[in-house]
Amino acid sequence: MRSDRAADYQDVPRPLAVMPKLYAAGSATGSHSHPRAQLLHAASGVMVASTERGTWVVPPGHALWIPPGIVHDVTMCGPVSMASAYVAASPASVP
């Protein structure tokens, strides 16, 4: 079984790591950041992502780019099936 913990995908020895995850309606991630950039994709359901610079709605079939180190919180509006692609800043930054 694959991990559904974002921290497990930050230090993998490749430039791209993808993590699928399911969330119940009303779930929230809490404020956090990642050392890698994150492409947050909504396969189904709607997510609302917030940072100190703004708030974005991510509907099904769409994605949001979150640069590395940006503190964000994601709230689920209904049940959500999502995937995060964690992207290393550059090939040289891969362990």
N, C-alpha and C. Protein backbone atom coordinates (compact mmCIF):
# COMPACT_ATOMS: atom_id res chain seq x y z
N MET A 1 0.83 -1.18 0.00
CA MET A 1 0.00 0.00 0.00
C MET A 1 0.89 1.25 0.00
N ARG A 2 0.51 2.24 -0.81
CA ARG A 2 1.25 3.50 -0.88
C ARG A 2 0.89 4.39 0.30
N SER A 3 1.85 5.17 0.71
CA SER A 3 1.64 6.12 1.80
C SER A 3 0.72 7.25 1.34
N ASP A 4 -0.10 7.76 2.27
CA ASP A 4 -0.90 8.94 1.97
C ASP A 4 -0.44 10.12 2.83
N ARG A 5 0.84 10.07 3.23
CA ARG A 5 1.45 11.16 4.01
C ARG A 5 2.38 11.96 3.10
N ALA A 6 2.09 13.24 2.95
CA ALA A 6 2.88 14.09 2.06
C ALA A 6 4.37 14.07 2.42
N ALA A 7 4.69 14.00 3.69
CA ALA A 7 6.09 14.00 4.12
C ALA A 7 6.88 12.85 3.51
N ASP A 8 6.21 11.74 3.23
CA ASP A 8 6.89 10.57 2.66
C ASP A 8 7.31 10.77 1.21
N TYR A 9 6.86 11.85 0.57
CA TYR A 9 7.14 12.09 -0.85
C TYR A 9 8.11 13.24 -1.08
N GLN A 10 8.63 13.82 -0.03
CA GLN A 10 9.47 15.01 -0.16
C GLN A 10 10.93 14.69 -0.44
N ASP A 11 11.42 13.55 0.00
CA ASP A 11 12.84 13.22 -0.14
C ASP A 11 13.09 11.99 -0.99
N VAL A 12 12.18 11.69 -1.90
CA VAL A 12 12.37 10.51 -2.75
C VAL A 12 13.46 10.81 -3.79
N PRO A 13 14.18 9.77 -4.26
CA PRO A 13 15.31 9.98 -5.17
C PRO A 13 14.91 10.13 -6.64
N ARG A 14 13.87 10.91 -6.90
CA ARG A 14 13.46 11.20 -8.27
C ARG A 14 12.80 12.58 -8.28
N PRO A 15 12.78 13.25 -9.42
CA PRO A 15 12.29 14.63 -9.46
C PRO A 15 10.78 14.77 -9.30
N LEU A 16 10.03 13.69 -9.50
CA LEU A 16 8.57 13.75 -9.41
C LEU A 16 8.05 12.58 -8.59
N ALA A 17 7.16 12.88 -7.64
CA ALA A 17 6.52 11.84 -6.83
C ALA A 17 5.04 12.19 -6.74
N VAL A 18 4.18 11.20 -6.99
CA VAL A 18 2.74 11.44 -7.02
C VAL A 18 2.06 10.66 -5.90
N MET A 19 1.18 11.38 -5.16
CA MET A 19 0.46 10.79 -4.04
C MET A 19 -1.05 10.98 -4.23
N PRO A 20 -1.80 9.88 -4.41
CA PRO A 20 -3.26 10.00 -4.44
C PRO A 20 -3.81 9.99 -3.01
N LYS A 21 -4.96 10.61 -2.81
CA LYS A 21 -5.55 10.62 -1.47
C LYS A 21 -7.05 10.90 -1.56
N LEU A 22 -7.79 10.29 -0.65
CA LEU A 22 -9.23 10.54 -0.53
C LEU A 22 -9.47 11.32 0.75
N TYR A 23 -10.41 12.26 0.69
CA TYR A 23 -10.79 13.05 1.87
C TYR A 23 -12.30 13.02 2.03
N ALA A 24 -12.75 13.00 3.27
CA ALA A 24 -14.18 13.10 3.58
C ALA A 24 -14.62 14.56 3.46
N ALA A 25 -15.90 14.75 3.26
CA ALA A 25 -16.47 16.10 3.18
C ALA A 25 -16.12 16.89 4.43
N GLY A 26 -15.72 18.14 4.25
CA GLY A 26 -15.40 19.00 5.37
C GLY A 26 -14.01 18.84 5.93
N SER A 27 -13.23 17.89 5.42
CA SER A 27 -11.86 17.71 5.89
C SER A 27 -11.01 18.92 5.53
N ALA A 28 -9.96 19.13 6.31
CA ALA A 28 -9.00 20.19 6.02
C ALA A 28 -7.61 19.69 6.35
N THR A 29 -6.63 20.17 5.62
CA THR A 29 -5.26 19.73 5.83
C THR A 29 -4.58 20.46 6.98
N GLY A 30 -5.07 21.64 7.33
CA GLY A 30 -4.36 22.49 8.28
C GLY A 30 -3.22 23.18 7.56
N SER A 31 -2.75 24.27 8.10
CA SER A 31 -1.67 25.03 7.47
C SER A 31 -0.38 24.23 7.48
N HIS A 32 0.26 24.18 6.32
CA HIS A 32 1.52 23.45 6.18
C HIS A 32 2.22 23.91 4.90
N SER A 33 3.45 23.45 4.71
CA SER A 33 4.19 23.71 3.48
C SER A 33 5.01 22.47 3.14
N HIS A 34 5.58 22.48 1.94
CA HIS A 34 6.40 21.36 1.48
C HIS A 34 7.71 21.90 0.92
N PRO A 35 8.80 21.14 1.04
CA PRO A 35 10.06 21.57 0.43
C PRO A 35 10.02 21.48 -1.10
N ARG A 36 9.13 20.64 -1.64
CA ARG A 36 8.95 20.53 -3.09
C ARG A 36 7.72 21.34 -3.51
N ALA A 37 7.69 21.71 -4.78
CA ALA A 37 6.48 22.32 -5.34
C ALA A 37 5.40 21.25 -5.36
N GLN A 38 4.14 21.68 -5.34
CA GLN A 38 3.02 20.74 -5.35
C GLN A 38 2.05 21.12 -6.46
N LEU A 39 1.70 20.16 -7.29
CA LEU A 39 0.60 20.33 -8.24
C LEU A 39 -0.58 19.57 -7.62
N LEU A 40 -1.55 20.32 -7.13
CA LEU A 40 -2.70 19.77 -6.40
C LEU A 40 -3.84 19.58 -7.38
N HIS A 41 -4.20 18.34 -7.67
CA HIS A 41 -5.21 18.02 -8.69
C HIS A 41 -6.47 17.42 -8.06
N ALA A 42 -7.62 17.97 -8.42
CA ALA A 42 -8.90 17.44 -7.96
C ALA A 42 -9.43 16.47 -9.01
N ALA A 43 -9.39 15.18 -8.71
CA ALA A 43 -9.97 14.18 -9.61
C ALA A 43 -11.50 14.24 -9.52
N SER A 44 -12.01 14.36 -8.30
CA SER A 44 -13.45 14.56 -8.08
C SER A 44 -13.62 15.36 -6.80
N GLY A 45 -14.70 16.10 -6.73
CA GLY A 45 -14.93 16.96 -5.58
C GLY A 45 -14.26 18.31 -5.76
N VAL A 46 -14.54 19.22 -4.85
CA VAL A 46 -14.03 20.58 -4.92
C VAL A 46 -13.16 20.87 -3.70
N MET A 47 -12.00 21.48 -3.94
CA MET A 47 -11.10 21.89 -2.87
C MET A 47 -10.99 23.41 -2.87
N VAL A 48 -10.77 23.97 -1.69
CA VAL A 48 -10.48 25.40 -1.56
C VAL A 48 -9.12 25.50 -0.89
N ALA A 49 -8.16 26.09 -1.61
CA ALA A 49 -6.80 26.24 -1.09
C ALA A 49 -6.57 27.69 -0.72
N SER A 50 -6.00 27.91 0.47
CA SER A 50 -5.77 29.27 0.96
C SER A 50 -4.31 29.46 1.35
N THR A 51 -3.78 30.64 1.03
CA THR A 51 -2.46 31.07 1.47
C THR A 51 -2.62 32.49 1.99
N GLU A 52 -1.54 33.07 2.47
CA GLU A 52 -1.62 34.46 2.92
C GLU A 52 -1.83 35.41 1.75
N ARG A 53 -1.62 34.93 0.52
CA ARG A 53 -1.74 35.78 -0.67
C ARG A 53 -3.06 35.62 -1.41
N GLY A 54 -3.90 34.66 -0.99
CA GLY A 54 -5.18 34.50 -1.67
C GLY A 54 -5.82 33.16 -1.42
N THR A 55 -6.99 32.98 -2.05
CA THR A 55 -7.76 31.74 -1.93
C THR A 55 -8.18 31.31 -3.33
N TRP A 56 -8.04 30.01 -3.60
CA TRP A 56 -8.37 29.46 -4.91
C TRP A 56 -9.31 28.27 -4.77
N VAL A 57 -10.29 28.21 -5.66
CA VAL A 57 -11.19 27.06 -5.73
C VAL A 57 -10.64 26.13 -6.80
N VAL A 58 -10.53 24.85 -6.45
CA VAL A 58 -10.01 23.84 -7.39
C VAL A 58 -11.14 22.85 -7.68
N PRO A 59 -11.84 23.03 -8.82
CA PRO A 59 -12.94 22.13 -9.16
C PRO A 59 -12.42 20.83 -9.78
N PRO A 60 -13.30 19.84 -9.94
CA PRO A 60 -12.88 18.57 -10.52
C PRO A 60 -12.24 18.77 -11.91
N GLY A 61 -11.17 18.03 -12.14
CA GLY A 61 -10.49 18.10 -13.42
C GLY A 61 -9.51 19.26 -13.54
N HIS A 62 -9.33 20.02 -12.47
CA HIS A 62 -8.41 21.16 -12.48
C HIS A 62 -7.33 20.95 -11.42
N ALA A 63 -6.30 21.79 -11.51
CA ALA A 63 -5.18 21.68 -10.58
C ALA A 63 -4.69 23.06 -10.19
N LEU A 64 -3.95 23.11 -9.11
CA LEU A 64 -3.36 24.34 -8.60
C LEU A 64 -1.88 24.11 -8.35
N TRP A 65 -1.04 25.01 -8.85
CA TRP A 65 0.40 24.94 -8.62
C TRP A 65 0.72 25.68 -7.33
N ILE A 66 1.40 25.01 -6.41
CA ILE A 66 1.81 25.63 -5.14
C ILE A 66 3.34 25.55 -5.09
N PRO A 67 4.02 26.69 -5.17
CA PRO A 67 5.48 26.69 -5.14
C PRO A 67 6.02 26.12 -3.82
N PRO A 68 7.26 25.66 -3.82
CA PRO A 68 7.84 25.10 -2.59
C PRO A 68 7.90 26.15 -1.49
N GLY A 69 7.66 25.70 -0.26
CA GLY A 69 7.76 26.56 0.90
C GLY A 69 6.57 27.47 1.17
N ILE A 70 5.56 27.46 0.31
CA ILE A 70 4.38 28.31 0.52
C ILE A 70 3.45 27.64 1.53
N VAL A 71 3.16 28.35 2.61
CA VAL A 71 2.25 27.83 3.63
C VAL A 71 0.84 27.89 3.06
N HIS A 72 0.14 26.75 3.11
CA HIS A 72 -1.21 26.66 2.56
C HIS A 72 -2.08 25.74 3.40
N ASP A 73 -3.38 25.88 3.21
CA ASP A 73 -4.37 25.04 3.86
C ASP A 73 -5.38 24.67 2.79
N VAL A 74 -5.82 23.42 2.79
CA VAL A 74 -6.80 22.97 1.79
C VAL A 74 -8.01 22.41 2.52
N THR A 75 -9.20 22.92 2.16
CA THR A 75 -10.45 22.47 2.74
C THR A 75 -11.27 21.77 1.66
N MET A 76 -11.89 20.65 2.00
CA MET A 76 -12.67 19.86 1.05
C MET A 76 -14.16 20.25 1.14
N CYS A 77 -14.73 20.58 0.00
CA CYS A 77 -16.15 20.91 -0.09
C CYS A 77 -16.87 19.67 -0.62
N GLY A 78 -17.23 18.78 0.27
CA GLY A 78 -17.76 17.49 -0.13
C GLY A 78 -16.63 16.48 -0.18
N PRO A 79 -16.93 15.22 -0.48
CA PRO A 79 -15.87 14.22 -0.58
C PRO A 79 -14.95 14.55 -1.76
N VAL A 80 -13.66 14.31 -1.58
CA VAL A 80 -12.66 14.66 -2.60
C VAL A 80 -11.74 13.48 -2.86
N SER A 81 -11.50 13.24 -4.15
CA SER A 81 -10.44 12.35 -4.60
C SER A 81 -9.43 13.24 -5.29
N MET A 82 -8.20 13.25 -4.77
CA MET A 82 -7.20 14.16 -5.32
C MET A 82 -5.88 13.44 -5.51
N ALA A 83 -4.99 14.12 -6.20
CA ALA A 83 -3.62 13.63 -6.33
C ALA A 83 -2.70 14.83 -6.23
N SER A 84 -1.59 14.65 -5.55
CA SER A 84 -0.56 15.68 -5.48
C SER A 84 0.67 15.17 -6.19
N ALA A 85 1.18 15.98 -7.11
CA ALA A 85 2.46 15.69 -7.74
C ALA A 85 3.48 16.62 -7.07
N TYR A 86 4.45 16.04 -6.39
CA TYR A 86 5.49 16.81 -5.72
C TYR A 86 6.69 16.88 -6.65
N VAL A 87 7.11 18.09 -6.99
CA VAL A 87 8.12 18.31 -8.01
C VAL A 87 9.36 18.94 -7.38
N ALA A 88 10.50 18.30 -7.60
CA ALA A 88 11.76 18.84 -7.08
C ALA A 88 12.06 20.16 -7.80
N ALA A 89 12.70 21.08 -7.09
CA ALA A 89 13.00 22.40 -7.65
C ALA A 89 13.90 22.29 -8.87
N SER A 90 14.84 21.37 -8.86
CA SER A 90 15.70 21.13 -10.00
C SER A 90 16.27 19.72 -9.87
N PRO A 91 16.71 19.14 -10.97
CA PRO A 91 17.28 17.79 -10.87
C PRO A 91 18.44 17.73 -9.88
N ALA A 92 19.17 18.82 -9.71
CA ALA A 92 20.30 18.83 -8.78
C ALA A 92 19.84 18.73 -7.34
N SER A 93 18.56 19.04 -7.06
CA SER A 93 18.09 18.99 -5.69
C SER A 93 17.58 17.63 -5.27
N VAL A 94 17.57 16.68 -6.19
CA VAL A 94 17.12 15.33 -5.86
C VAL A 94 18.23 14.62 -5.11
N PRO A 95 17.89 14.00 -3.95
CA PRO A 95 18.93 13.33 -3.15
C PRO A 95 19.61 12.20 -3.91
